N, C-alpha and C. Protein backbone atom coordinates (compact mmCIF):
# COMPACT_ATOMS: atom_id res chain seq x y z
N UNK A 1 -3.10 40.56 62.17
CA UNK A 1 -3.44 41.13 60.87
C UNK A 1 -2.44 40.71 59.82
N UNK A 2 -1.14 40.64 60.19
CA UNK A 2 -0.09 40.25 59.26
C UNK A 2 -0.34 38.84 58.77
N UNK A 3 -0.77 37.92 59.71
CA UNK A 3 -1.02 36.54 59.32
C UNK A 3 -2.18 36.46 58.33
N UNK A 4 -3.19 37.34 58.57
CA UNK A 4 -4.33 37.34 57.65
C UNK A 4 -3.90 37.80 56.27
N UNK A 5 -3.03 38.84 56.23
CA UNK A 5 -2.54 39.34 54.94
C UNK A 5 -1.76 38.26 54.20
N UNK A 6 -0.91 37.55 54.96
CA UNK A 6 -0.12 36.47 54.34
C UNK A 6 -1.03 35.40 53.79
N UNK A 7 -2.07 35.04 54.57
CA UNK A 7 -3.00 33.99 54.14
C UNK A 7 -3.76 34.42 52.90
N UNK A 8 -4.21 35.67 52.92
CA UNK A 8 -4.93 36.19 51.75
C UNK A 8 -4.02 36.22 50.52
N UNK A 9 -2.76 36.61 50.76
CA UNK A 9 -1.80 36.65 49.65
C UNK A 9 -1.55 35.27 49.09
N UNK A 10 -1.44 34.28 50.00
CA UNK A 10 -1.20 32.91 49.55
C UNK A 10 -2.38 32.39 48.75
N UNK A 11 -3.57 32.70 49.25
CA UNK A 11 -4.77 32.25 48.56
C UNK A 11 -4.87 32.90 47.18
N UNK A 12 -4.47 34.17 47.13
CA UNK A 12 -4.48 34.86 45.85
C UNK A 12 -3.51 34.22 44.87
N UNK A 13 -2.32 33.81 45.40
CA UNK A 13 -1.33 33.14 44.55
C UNK A 13 -1.86 31.82 44.00
N UNK A 14 -2.53 31.06 44.87
CA UNK A 14 -3.11 29.78 44.43
C UNK A 14 -4.16 30.01 43.36
N UNK A 15 -5.01 31.03 43.59
CA UNK A 15 -6.06 31.33 42.63
C UNK A 15 -5.47 31.72 41.28
N UNK A 16 -4.38 32.53 41.32
CA UNK A 16 -3.73 32.95 40.10
C UNK A 16 -3.15 31.76 39.36
N UNK A 17 -2.50 30.85 40.13
CA UNK A 17 -1.92 29.65 39.53
C UNK A 17 -3.00 28.80 38.89
N UNK A 18 -4.12 28.66 39.59
CA UNK A 18 -5.23 27.86 39.06
C UNK A 18 -5.77 28.49 37.78
N UNK A 19 -5.81 29.82 37.76
CA UNK A 19 -6.30 30.51 36.57
C UNK A 19 -5.37 30.28 35.39
N UNK A 20 -4.08 30.39 35.66
CA UNK A 20 -3.08 30.19 34.60
C UNK A 20 -3.18 28.77 34.06
N UNK A 21 -3.22 27.78 34.98
CA UNK A 21 -3.32 26.38 34.57
C UNK A 21 -4.62 26.13 33.80
N UNK A 22 -5.69 26.79 34.24
CA UNK A 22 -6.97 26.63 33.56
C UNK A 22 -6.91 27.16 32.14
N UNK A 23 -6.25 28.30 31.95
CA UNK A 23 -6.10 28.87 30.62
C UNK A 23 -5.28 27.95 29.74
N UNK A 24 -4.16 27.45 30.29
CA UNK A 24 -3.31 26.53 29.53
C UNK A 24 -4.10 25.29 29.14
N UNK A 25 -4.84 24.72 30.11
CA UNK A 25 -5.63 23.51 29.87
C UNK A 25 -6.68 23.78 28.81
N UNK A 26 -7.32 24.96 28.90
CA UNK A 26 -8.34 25.32 27.91
C UNK A 26 -7.71 25.44 26.52
N UNK A 27 -6.54 26.06 26.46
CA UNK A 27 -5.87 26.19 25.17
C UNK A 27 -5.48 24.84 24.60
N UNK A 28 -5.08 23.93 25.52
CA UNK A 28 -4.70 22.59 25.07
C UNK A 28 -5.91 21.90 24.42
N UNK A 29 -7.09 22.11 25.01
CA UNK A 29 -8.28 21.44 24.51
C UNK A 29 -8.89 22.14 23.31
N UNK A 30 -8.74 23.49 23.28
CA UNK A 30 -9.43 24.25 22.25
C UNK A 30 -8.55 24.60 21.06
N UNK A 31 -7.23 24.40 21.16
CA UNK A 31 -6.34 24.76 20.06
C UNK A 31 -6.52 23.85 18.85
N UNK A 32 -6.19 24.37 17.67
CA UNK A 32 -6.29 23.58 16.45
C UNK A 32 -5.10 22.65 16.33
N UNK A 33 -5.40 21.38 16.03
CA UNK A 33 -4.34 20.40 15.88
C UNK A 33 -4.55 19.62 14.60
N UNK A 34 -3.44 19.17 14.03
CA UNK A 34 -3.53 18.29 12.86
C UNK A 34 -3.15 16.88 13.31
N UNK A 35 -4.04 15.95 13.03
CA UNK A 35 -3.82 14.56 13.41
C UNK A 35 -3.52 13.73 12.17
N UNK A 36 -2.62 12.79 12.33
CA UNK A 36 -2.33 11.83 11.27
C UNK A 36 -2.66 10.43 11.79
N UNK A 37 -2.85 9.50 10.89
CA UNK A 37 -3.23 8.14 11.26
C UNK A 37 -2.17 7.18 10.74
N UNK A 38 -1.46 6.56 11.67
CA UNK A 38 -0.33 5.71 11.33
C UNK A 38 -0.66 4.24 11.55
N UNK A 39 -0.15 3.39 10.68
CA UNK A 39 -0.34 1.95 10.82
C UNK A 39 0.76 1.34 11.68
N UNK A 40 0.42 0.33 12.43
CA UNK A 40 1.41 -0.43 13.19
C UNK A 40 1.04 -1.91 13.11
N UNK A 41 2.00 -2.75 13.44
CA UNK A 41 1.82 -4.20 13.28
C UNK A 41 1.27 -4.83 14.55
N UNK A 42 0.33 -5.76 14.36
CA UNK A 42 -0.23 -6.56 15.46
C UNK A 42 -0.03 -8.03 15.10
N UNK A 43 0.68 -8.81 15.93
CA UNK A 43 0.91 -10.22 15.60
C UNK A 43 -0.40 -11.00 15.48
N UNK A 44 -0.45 -11.87 14.49
CA UNK A 44 -1.60 -12.74 14.30
C UNK A 44 -1.42 -13.99 15.15
N UNK A 45 -2.50 -14.44 15.78
CA UNK A 45 -2.41 -15.67 16.57
C UNK A 45 -2.03 -16.84 15.67
N UNK A 46 -1.00 -17.58 16.08
CA UNK A 46 -0.56 -18.73 15.27
C UNK A 46 -1.58 -19.86 15.38
N UNK A 47 -1.90 -20.47 14.24
CA UNK A 47 -2.84 -21.59 14.20
C UNK A 47 -2.20 -22.76 13.47
N UNK A 48 -2.60 -23.97 13.83
CA UNK A 48 -2.09 -25.17 13.16
C UNK A 48 -3.19 -26.22 13.12
N UNK A 49 -3.31 -26.88 11.96
CA UNK A 49 -4.33 -27.92 11.84
C UNK A 49 -4.01 -28.77 10.62
N UNK A 50 -4.64 -29.95 10.58
CA UNK A 50 -4.50 -30.83 9.43
C UNK A 50 -5.26 -30.25 8.24
N UNK A 51 -4.71 -30.41 7.04
CA UNK A 51 -5.36 -29.93 5.82
C UNK A 51 -5.31 -31.03 4.78
N UNK A 52 -6.16 -30.89 3.75
CA UNK A 52 -6.20 -31.91 2.71
C UNK A 52 -6.92 -31.41 1.48
N UNK A 53 -7.51 -32.36 0.75
CA UNK A 53 -8.15 -32.03 -0.53
C UNK A 53 -9.42 -31.20 -0.34
N UNK A 54 -10.06 -31.29 0.83
CA UNK A 54 -11.21 -30.45 1.14
C UNK A 54 -10.73 -29.19 1.87
N UNK A 55 -11.24 -28.01 1.52
CA UNK A 55 -10.75 -26.77 2.16
C UNK A 55 -10.90 -26.80 3.68
N UNK A 56 -9.85 -26.37 4.37
CA UNK A 56 -9.87 -26.22 5.82
C UNK A 56 -9.88 -24.73 6.13
N UNK A 57 -10.82 -24.29 6.98
CA UNK A 57 -10.97 -22.86 7.27
C UNK A 57 -10.41 -22.50 8.64
N UNK A 58 -9.74 -21.37 8.67
CA UNK A 58 -9.24 -20.78 9.91
C UNK A 58 -9.90 -19.40 10.03
N UNK A 59 -10.69 -19.20 11.08
CA UNK A 59 -11.45 -17.95 11.25
C UNK A 59 -10.77 -17.06 12.30
N UNK A 60 -10.65 -15.77 11.96
CA UNK A 60 -10.08 -14.78 12.88
C UNK A 60 -11.04 -13.61 13.02
N UNK A 61 -11.20 -13.10 14.24
CA UNK A 61 -11.94 -11.87 14.44
C UNK A 61 -11.13 -10.70 13.91
N UNK A 62 -11.80 -9.71 13.35
CA UNK A 62 -11.12 -8.55 12.78
C UNK A 62 -11.16 -7.39 13.76
N UNK A 63 -10.01 -6.90 14.23
CA UNK A 63 -10.04 -5.77 15.17
C UNK A 63 -10.43 -4.48 14.48
N UNK A 64 -10.96 -3.54 15.25
CA UNK A 64 -11.29 -2.22 14.71
C UNK A 64 -10.04 -1.57 14.14
N UNK A 65 -10.22 -0.82 13.08
CA UNK A 65 -9.15 -0.06 12.41
C UNK A 65 -8.13 -0.94 11.69
N UNK A 66 -8.43 -2.23 11.52
CA UNK A 66 -7.53 -3.10 10.76
C UNK A 66 -7.62 -2.74 9.28
N UNK A 67 -6.48 -2.80 8.58
CA UNK A 67 -6.44 -2.38 7.18
C UNK A 67 -5.84 -3.43 6.24
N UNK A 68 -4.96 -4.29 6.76
CA UNK A 68 -4.25 -5.21 5.88
C UNK A 68 -3.68 -6.38 6.69
N UNK A 69 -3.19 -7.39 5.96
CA UNK A 69 -2.62 -8.56 6.61
C UNK A 69 -1.45 -9.08 5.79
N UNK A 70 -0.44 -9.57 6.48
CA UNK A 70 0.69 -10.28 5.87
C UNK A 70 0.66 -11.70 6.43
N UNK A 71 0.34 -12.66 5.58
CA UNK A 71 0.22 -14.05 6.01
C UNK A 71 1.42 -14.87 5.59
N UNK A 72 1.78 -15.82 6.44
CA UNK A 72 2.80 -16.81 6.12
C UNK A 72 2.23 -18.17 6.47
N UNK A 73 2.00 -18.99 5.46
CA UNK A 73 1.39 -20.30 5.65
C UNK A 73 2.42 -21.39 5.31
N UNK A 74 2.77 -22.17 6.29
CA UNK A 74 3.71 -23.27 6.08
C UNK A 74 2.92 -24.57 6.00
N UNK A 75 3.10 -25.29 4.91
CA UNK A 75 2.42 -26.57 4.71
C UNK A 75 3.47 -27.68 4.71
N UNK A 76 3.25 -28.68 5.57
CA UNK A 76 4.21 -29.77 5.73
C UNK A 76 3.59 -31.10 5.35
N UNK A 77 4.35 -31.92 4.66
CA UNK A 77 3.94 -33.28 4.33
C UNK A 77 4.65 -34.25 5.27
N UNK A 78 3.90 -35.26 5.73
CA UNK A 78 4.50 -36.35 6.51
C UNK A 78 3.82 -37.64 6.09
N UNK A 79 4.50 -38.75 6.21
CA UNK A 79 3.93 -40.03 5.80
C UNK A 79 4.92 -40.82 4.99
N UNK A 80 4.47 -41.39 3.87
CA UNK A 80 5.35 -42.20 3.02
C UNK A 80 4.96 -42.05 1.56
N UNK A 81 5.85 -41.39 0.82
CA UNK A 81 5.65 -41.27 -0.62
C UNK A 81 6.26 -42.49 -1.31
N UNK A 82 5.64 -42.91 -2.39
CA UNK A 82 6.20 -44.00 -3.19
C UNK A 82 6.80 -43.43 -4.47
N UNK A 83 5.95 -42.90 -5.31
CA UNK A 83 6.42 -42.27 -6.55
C UNK A 83 6.83 -40.81 -6.30
N UNK A 84 6.08 -40.13 -5.42
CA UNK A 84 6.35 -38.71 -5.17
C UNK A 84 5.73 -37.83 -6.24
N UNK A 85 6.13 -36.59 -6.27
CA UNK A 85 5.60 -35.64 -7.24
C UNK A 85 5.35 -34.30 -6.59
N UNK A 86 4.46 -33.48 -7.14
CA UNK A 86 4.18 -32.15 -6.62
C UNK A 86 2.75 -32.08 -6.10
N UNK A 87 2.61 -31.73 -4.83
CA UNK A 87 1.29 -31.47 -4.25
C UNK A 87 0.95 -30.01 -4.52
N UNK A 88 -0.31 -29.73 -4.80
CA UNK A 88 -0.74 -28.35 -5.07
C UNK A 88 -1.35 -27.74 -3.81
N UNK A 89 -0.77 -26.60 -3.38
CA UNK A 89 -1.24 -25.89 -2.19
C UNK A 89 -1.97 -24.63 -2.63
N UNK A 90 -3.22 -24.48 -2.20
CA UNK A 90 -4.02 -23.29 -2.53
C UNK A 90 -4.39 -22.59 -1.24
N UNK A 91 -4.00 -21.32 -1.13
CA UNK A 91 -4.32 -20.51 0.05
C UNK A 91 -5.23 -19.37 -0.39
N UNK A 92 -6.38 -19.27 0.25
CA UNK A 92 -7.32 -18.18 -0.01
C UNK A 92 -7.52 -17.37 1.26
N UNK A 93 -7.51 -16.04 1.10
CA UNK A 93 -7.80 -15.16 2.22
C UNK A 93 -9.06 -14.37 1.90
N UNK A 94 -10.07 -14.52 2.78
CA UNK A 94 -11.32 -13.77 2.63
C UNK A 94 -11.28 -12.60 3.60
N UNK A 95 -11.16 -11.40 3.05
CA UNK A 95 -11.06 -10.18 3.86
C UNK A 95 -12.42 -9.83 4.45
N UNK A 96 -12.44 -8.98 5.49
CA UNK A 96 -13.72 -8.60 6.11
C UNK A 96 -14.65 -7.84 5.18
N UNK A 97 -14.11 -7.26 4.11
CA UNK A 97 -14.97 -6.54 3.16
C UNK A 97 -15.52 -7.47 2.08
N UNK A 98 -15.18 -8.77 2.15
CA UNK A 98 -15.70 -9.75 1.20
C UNK A 98 -14.78 -10.09 0.05
N UNK A 99 -13.71 -9.33 -0.15
CA UNK A 99 -12.79 -9.61 -1.24
C UNK A 99 -11.92 -10.83 -0.94
N UNK A 100 -11.56 -11.57 -2.00
CA UNK A 100 -10.79 -12.79 -1.85
C UNK A 100 -9.44 -12.64 -2.55
N UNK A 101 -8.37 -12.99 -1.83
CA UNK A 101 -7.03 -13.02 -2.40
C UNK A 101 -6.56 -14.47 -2.39
N UNK A 102 -6.07 -14.96 -3.52
CA UNK A 102 -5.67 -16.37 -3.61
C UNK A 102 -4.24 -16.49 -4.11
N UNK A 103 -3.56 -17.48 -3.56
CA UNK A 103 -2.19 -17.76 -4.00
C UNK A 103 -2.01 -19.27 -4.05
N UNK A 104 -1.28 -19.74 -5.06
CA UNK A 104 -1.07 -21.17 -5.26
C UNK A 104 0.41 -21.47 -5.31
N UNK A 105 0.81 -22.62 -4.78
CA UNK A 105 2.22 -23.02 -4.78
C UNK A 105 2.30 -24.53 -4.92
N UNK A 106 3.50 -25.00 -5.26
CA UNK A 106 3.73 -26.44 -5.39
C UNK A 106 4.61 -26.92 -4.24
N UNK A 107 4.23 -28.06 -3.68
CA UNK A 107 5.02 -28.70 -2.63
C UNK A 107 5.68 -29.93 -3.24
N UNK A 108 6.98 -29.86 -3.49
CA UNK A 108 7.70 -30.96 -4.13
C UNK A 108 7.99 -32.07 -3.12
N UNK A 109 7.60 -33.30 -3.49
CA UNK A 109 7.79 -34.46 -2.62
C UNK A 109 8.60 -35.50 -3.40
N UNK A 110 9.77 -35.79 -2.91
CA UNK A 110 10.67 -36.70 -3.62
C UNK A 110 10.19 -38.15 -3.56
N UNK A 111 10.66 -38.97 -4.47
CA UNK A 111 10.34 -40.40 -4.46
C UNK A 111 10.80 -41.02 -3.14
N UNK A 112 9.90 -41.71 -2.45
CA UNK A 112 10.25 -42.37 -1.20
C UNK A 112 10.37 -41.45 0.00
N UNK A 113 10.02 -40.15 -0.16
CA UNK A 113 10.18 -39.18 0.93
C UNK A 113 9.18 -39.43 2.06
N UNK A 114 9.58 -39.01 3.26
CA UNK A 114 8.69 -39.10 4.43
C UNK A 114 8.32 -37.71 4.96
N UNK A 115 8.93 -36.68 4.42
CA UNK A 115 8.60 -35.31 4.86
C UNK A 115 9.00 -34.30 3.79
N UNK A 116 8.33 -33.18 3.80
CA UNK A 116 8.64 -32.06 2.90
C UNK A 116 7.85 -30.85 3.38
N UNK A 117 8.34 -29.66 3.04
CA UNK A 117 7.71 -28.42 3.52
C UNK A 117 7.79 -27.33 2.46
N UNK A 118 6.76 -26.51 2.40
CA UNK A 118 6.80 -25.31 1.58
C UNK A 118 6.09 -24.19 2.34
N UNK A 119 6.41 -22.95 1.97
CA UNK A 119 5.80 -21.78 2.62
C UNK A 119 5.14 -20.89 1.57
N UNK A 120 3.93 -20.47 1.86
CA UNK A 120 3.20 -19.57 0.96
C UNK A 120 3.00 -18.24 1.69
N UNK A 121 3.51 -17.17 1.12
CA UNK A 121 3.33 -15.82 1.68
C UNK A 121 2.24 -15.10 0.89
N UNK A 122 1.35 -14.45 1.61
CA UNK A 122 0.22 -13.77 0.96
C UNK A 122 -0.03 -12.44 1.67
N UNK A 123 -0.25 -11.40 0.88
CA UNK A 123 -0.57 -10.08 1.41
C UNK A 123 -1.93 -9.64 0.88
N UNK A 124 -2.70 -8.98 1.71
CA UNK A 124 -4.01 -8.47 1.29
C UNK A 124 -4.29 -7.17 2.03
N UNK A 125 -4.91 -6.23 1.32
CA UNK A 125 -5.32 -4.95 1.92
C UNK A 125 -6.78 -4.69 1.56
N UNK A 126 -7.55 -4.31 2.57
CA UNK A 126 -8.97 -4.03 2.34
C UNK A 126 -9.38 -2.62 2.77
N UNK A 127 -8.47 -1.86 3.35
CA UNK A 127 -8.80 -0.49 3.77
C UNK A 127 -7.52 0.32 3.90
N UNK A 128 -7.68 1.64 3.97
CA UNK A 128 -6.56 2.55 4.18
C UNK A 128 -6.86 3.43 5.39
N UNK A 129 -5.82 3.90 6.07
CA UNK A 129 -6.07 4.83 7.19
C UNK A 129 -6.74 6.10 6.69
N UNK A 130 -7.47 6.82 7.56
CA UNK A 130 -8.08 8.09 7.15
C UNK A 130 -7.01 9.11 6.77
N UNK A 131 -7.41 10.10 6.00
CA UNK A 131 -6.51 11.21 5.67
C UNK A 131 -6.26 12.06 6.92
N UNK A 132 -5.17 12.82 6.90
CA UNK A 132 -4.88 13.73 8.00
C UNK A 132 -6.06 14.69 8.19
N UNK A 133 -6.29 15.09 9.44
CA UNK A 133 -7.44 15.95 9.72
C UNK A 133 -7.06 17.01 10.75
N UNK A 134 -7.60 18.22 10.58
CA UNK A 134 -7.42 19.31 11.55
C UNK A 134 -8.69 19.43 12.37
N UNK A 135 -8.53 19.49 13.68
CA UNK A 135 -9.69 19.62 14.56
C UNK A 135 -9.41 20.66 15.62
N UNK A 136 -10.48 21.20 16.17
CA UNK A 136 -10.40 22.12 17.31
C UNK A 136 -10.49 21.27 18.58
N UNK A 137 -9.46 21.33 19.40
CA UNK A 137 -9.46 20.57 20.65
C UNK A 137 -9.07 19.13 20.43
N UNK A 138 -9.59 18.26 21.31
CA UNK A 138 -9.23 16.85 21.27
C UNK A 138 -9.94 16.14 20.12
N UNK A 139 -9.27 15.14 19.57
CA UNK A 139 -9.82 14.37 18.46
C UNK A 139 -10.91 13.42 18.96
N UNK A 140 -12.01 13.37 18.25
CA UNK A 140 -13.05 12.37 18.52
C UNK A 140 -12.65 11.10 17.77
N UNK A 141 -11.95 10.21 18.48
CA UNK A 141 -11.41 9.02 17.83
C UNK A 141 -12.50 8.15 17.23
N UNK A 142 -13.66 8.12 17.87
CA UNK A 142 -14.76 7.28 17.39
C UNK A 142 -15.19 7.70 15.99
N UNK A 143 -15.15 8.99 15.73
CA UNK A 143 -15.59 9.50 14.42
C UNK A 143 -14.65 9.07 13.30
N UNK A 144 -13.43 8.68 13.64
CA UNK A 144 -12.45 8.30 12.64
C UNK A 144 -12.07 6.82 12.75
N UNK A 145 -12.89 6.05 13.46
CA UNK A 145 -12.63 4.62 13.63
C UNK A 145 -13.39 3.82 12.57
N UNK A 146 -12.87 2.65 12.26
CA UNK A 146 -13.53 1.74 11.34
C UNK A 146 -13.81 0.44 12.08
N UNK A 147 -15.08 0.14 12.27
CA UNK A 147 -15.45 -1.07 12.99
C UNK A 147 -15.68 -2.22 12.01
N UNK A 148 -15.08 -3.38 12.34
CA UNK A 148 -15.28 -4.59 11.54
C UNK A 148 -16.05 -5.63 12.35
N UNK A 149 -16.85 -5.18 13.31
CA UNK A 149 -17.62 -6.09 14.14
C UNK A 149 -18.53 -6.96 13.27
N UNK A 150 -18.50 -8.26 13.51
CA UNK A 150 -19.34 -9.18 12.75
C UNK A 150 -18.82 -9.48 11.36
N UNK A 151 -17.60 -9.02 11.03
CA UNK A 151 -17.01 -9.26 9.71
C UNK A 151 -15.63 -9.91 9.91
N UNK A 152 -15.59 -11.22 10.09
CA UNK A 152 -14.33 -11.91 10.38
C UNK A 152 -13.44 -12.05 9.15
N UNK A 153 -12.20 -12.43 9.40
CA UNK A 153 -11.27 -12.81 8.35
C UNK A 153 -11.23 -14.34 8.29
N UNK A 154 -11.03 -14.86 7.09
CA UNK A 154 -10.98 -16.32 6.95
C UNK A 154 -9.83 -16.72 6.04
N UNK A 155 -9.08 -17.74 6.48
CA UNK A 155 -8.02 -18.32 5.66
C UNK A 155 -8.46 -19.74 5.30
N UNK A 156 -8.52 -20.04 4.00
CA UNK A 156 -8.88 -21.38 3.53
C UNK A 156 -7.67 -22.02 2.86
N UNK A 157 -7.40 -23.25 3.25
CA UNK A 157 -6.23 -23.95 2.71
C UNK A 157 -6.66 -25.30 2.14
N UNK A 158 -6.23 -25.56 0.93
CA UNK A 158 -6.48 -26.84 0.26
C UNK A 158 -5.16 -27.41 -0.23
N UNK A 159 -4.95 -28.71 -0.03
CA UNK A 159 -3.75 -29.37 -0.52
C UNK A 159 -4.17 -30.61 -1.30
N UNK A 160 -3.80 -30.65 -2.59
CA UNK A 160 -4.11 -31.78 -3.44
C UNK A 160 -2.85 -32.63 -3.62
N UNK A 161 -2.89 -33.90 -3.21
CA UNK A 161 -1.71 -34.78 -3.32
C UNK A 161 -1.26 -34.92 -4.78
N UNK A 162 -0.03 -35.36 -4.99
CA UNK A 162 0.45 -35.56 -6.37
C UNK A 162 -0.43 -36.55 -7.14
N UNK A 163 -0.75 -36.19 -8.36
CA UNK A 163 -1.57 -37.07 -9.18
C UNK A 163 -0.81 -38.28 -9.69
N UNK A 164 0.50 -38.27 -9.55
CA UNK A 164 1.33 -39.37 -10.04
C UNK A 164 1.50 -40.48 -9.02
N UNK A 165 1.00 -40.26 -7.78
CA UNK A 165 1.22 -41.20 -6.69
C UNK A 165 0.32 -42.44 -6.80
N UNK A 166 0.70 -43.51 -6.05
CA UNK A 166 -0.08 -44.73 -5.98
C UNK A 166 -0.83 -44.72 -4.65
N UNK A 167 -2.11 -44.33 -4.63
CA UNK A 167 -2.85 -44.16 -3.38
C UNK A 167 -2.87 -45.40 -2.49
N UNK A 168 -2.93 -46.58 -3.07
CA UNK A 168 -3.06 -47.81 -2.28
C UNK A 168 -1.79 -48.11 -1.48
N UNK A 169 -0.66 -47.59 -1.92
CA UNK A 169 0.62 -47.91 -1.27
C UNK A 169 1.20 -46.74 -0.47
N UNK A 170 0.81 -45.53 -0.82
CA UNK A 170 1.40 -44.34 -0.18
C UNK A 170 0.58 -43.88 1.01
N UNK A 171 1.18 -42.99 1.80
CA UNK A 171 0.50 -42.41 2.98
C UNK A 171 0.83 -40.92 3.01
N UNK A 172 -0.18 -40.11 2.72
CA UNK A 172 0.03 -38.66 2.66
C UNK A 172 -0.78 -37.95 3.74
N UNK A 173 -0.08 -37.18 4.55
CA UNK A 173 -0.73 -36.34 5.56
C UNK A 173 -0.12 -34.94 5.47
N UNK A 174 -0.98 -33.92 5.57
CA UNK A 174 -0.52 -32.54 5.44
C UNK A 174 -0.98 -31.73 6.65
N UNK A 175 -0.11 -30.83 7.09
CA UNK A 175 -0.41 -29.92 8.20
C UNK A 175 -0.08 -28.50 7.80
N UNK A 176 -0.97 -27.57 8.13
CA UNK A 176 -0.73 -26.15 7.83
C UNK A 176 -0.53 -25.37 9.12
N UNK A 177 0.46 -24.50 9.12
CA UNK A 177 0.72 -23.59 10.24
C UNK A 177 0.63 -22.16 9.72
N UNK A 178 -0.26 -21.37 10.33
CA UNK A 178 -0.48 -20.00 9.88
C UNK A 178 0.16 -19.03 10.87
N UNK A 179 0.92 -18.08 10.33
CA UNK A 179 1.54 -17.03 11.13
C UNK A 179 1.44 -15.73 10.33
N UNK A 180 1.78 -14.62 10.95
CA UNK A 180 1.77 -13.36 10.24
C UNK A 180 1.43 -12.19 11.14
N UNK A 181 1.04 -11.08 10.53
CA UNK A 181 0.69 -9.90 11.31
C UNK A 181 -0.37 -9.07 10.58
N UNK A 182 -1.13 -8.36 11.39
CA UNK A 182 -2.14 -7.43 10.89
C UNK A 182 -1.58 -6.02 10.90
N UNK A 183 -2.13 -5.17 10.04
CA UNK A 183 -1.83 -3.75 10.07
C UNK A 183 -3.06 -3.03 10.62
N UNK A 184 -2.87 -2.21 11.66
CA UNK A 184 -3.95 -1.49 12.31
C UNK A 184 -3.52 -0.03 12.47
N UNK A 185 -4.45 0.92 12.28
CA UNK A 185 -4.06 2.33 12.40
C UNK A 185 -4.54 2.93 13.71
N UNK A 186 -3.85 3.99 14.11
CA UNK A 186 -4.25 4.78 15.28
C UNK A 186 -3.86 6.23 15.03
N UNK A 187 -4.48 7.15 15.77
CA UNK A 187 -4.25 8.57 15.56
C UNK A 187 -3.03 9.06 16.32
N UNK A 188 -2.40 10.09 15.78
CA UNK A 188 -1.23 10.69 16.43
C UNK A 188 -1.18 12.18 16.05
N UNK A 189 -0.86 13.03 17.03
CA UNK A 189 -0.73 14.46 16.75
C UNK A 189 0.60 14.70 16.07
N UNK A 190 0.57 15.45 14.98
CA UNK A 190 1.82 15.79 14.30
C UNK A 190 2.66 16.66 15.21
N UNK A 191 3.95 16.35 15.35
CA UNK A 191 4.81 17.01 16.33
C UNK A 191 4.88 18.52 16.10
N UNK A 192 5.04 18.94 14.86
CA UNK A 192 5.17 20.38 14.59
C UNK A 192 3.91 21.12 14.96
N UNK A 193 2.75 20.51 14.71
CA UNK A 193 1.48 21.17 15.03
C UNK A 193 1.25 21.21 16.54
N UNK A 194 1.74 20.17 17.23
CA UNK A 194 1.57 20.16 18.69
C UNK A 194 2.32 21.29 19.33
N UNK A 195 3.52 21.61 18.79
CA UNK A 195 4.30 22.72 19.33
C UNK A 195 3.62 24.04 18.98
N UNK A 196 3.13 24.12 17.72
CA UNK A 196 2.55 25.39 17.27
C UNK A 196 1.23 25.71 17.96
N UNK A 197 0.56 24.68 18.50
CA UNK A 197 -0.75 24.90 19.11
C UNK A 197 -0.64 25.43 20.53
N UNK A 198 0.55 25.36 21.08
CA UNK A 198 0.72 25.80 22.45
C UNK A 198 0.63 27.33 22.53
């Protein structure tokens, strides 16, 4: 009989523990929480290709919840300049929402030079993270997500050689290297609210 009492007591203890854990778990799911949406950086895949007087396009898929981009475009000249001068570099960024950001720079090429480089930095923003939100229980992340499926990002680069050069004698080749990072948001429970919800 004593063994039965002990067993019953143990089972009662387990049941009590399960009840307590169940209440805590329920409170965790049902308590009110305030969520904030923070941006973080995602490296952009580096691309490199020849560019020239006709626009060269670099296409990137846009991840969900992406909001902005910081681009760094390095344009390099190689070949043989005779007179030299300034090549015009035009960088266009087509955001997933259709807006275009453009930046122009000059690539100085000295007389008789065989190489030269310039860098064009460009920033663009097409969305903002959602406002903070209070919810009962767990956040439905899908309801606060922004999908850019089927809406790619595009970088267009054009380089116009110096107009002062002698085309028949010179040799101009240009290469563009694209680097940078995307800004993407994700949800996070505010620390003070997480403690208060317990």
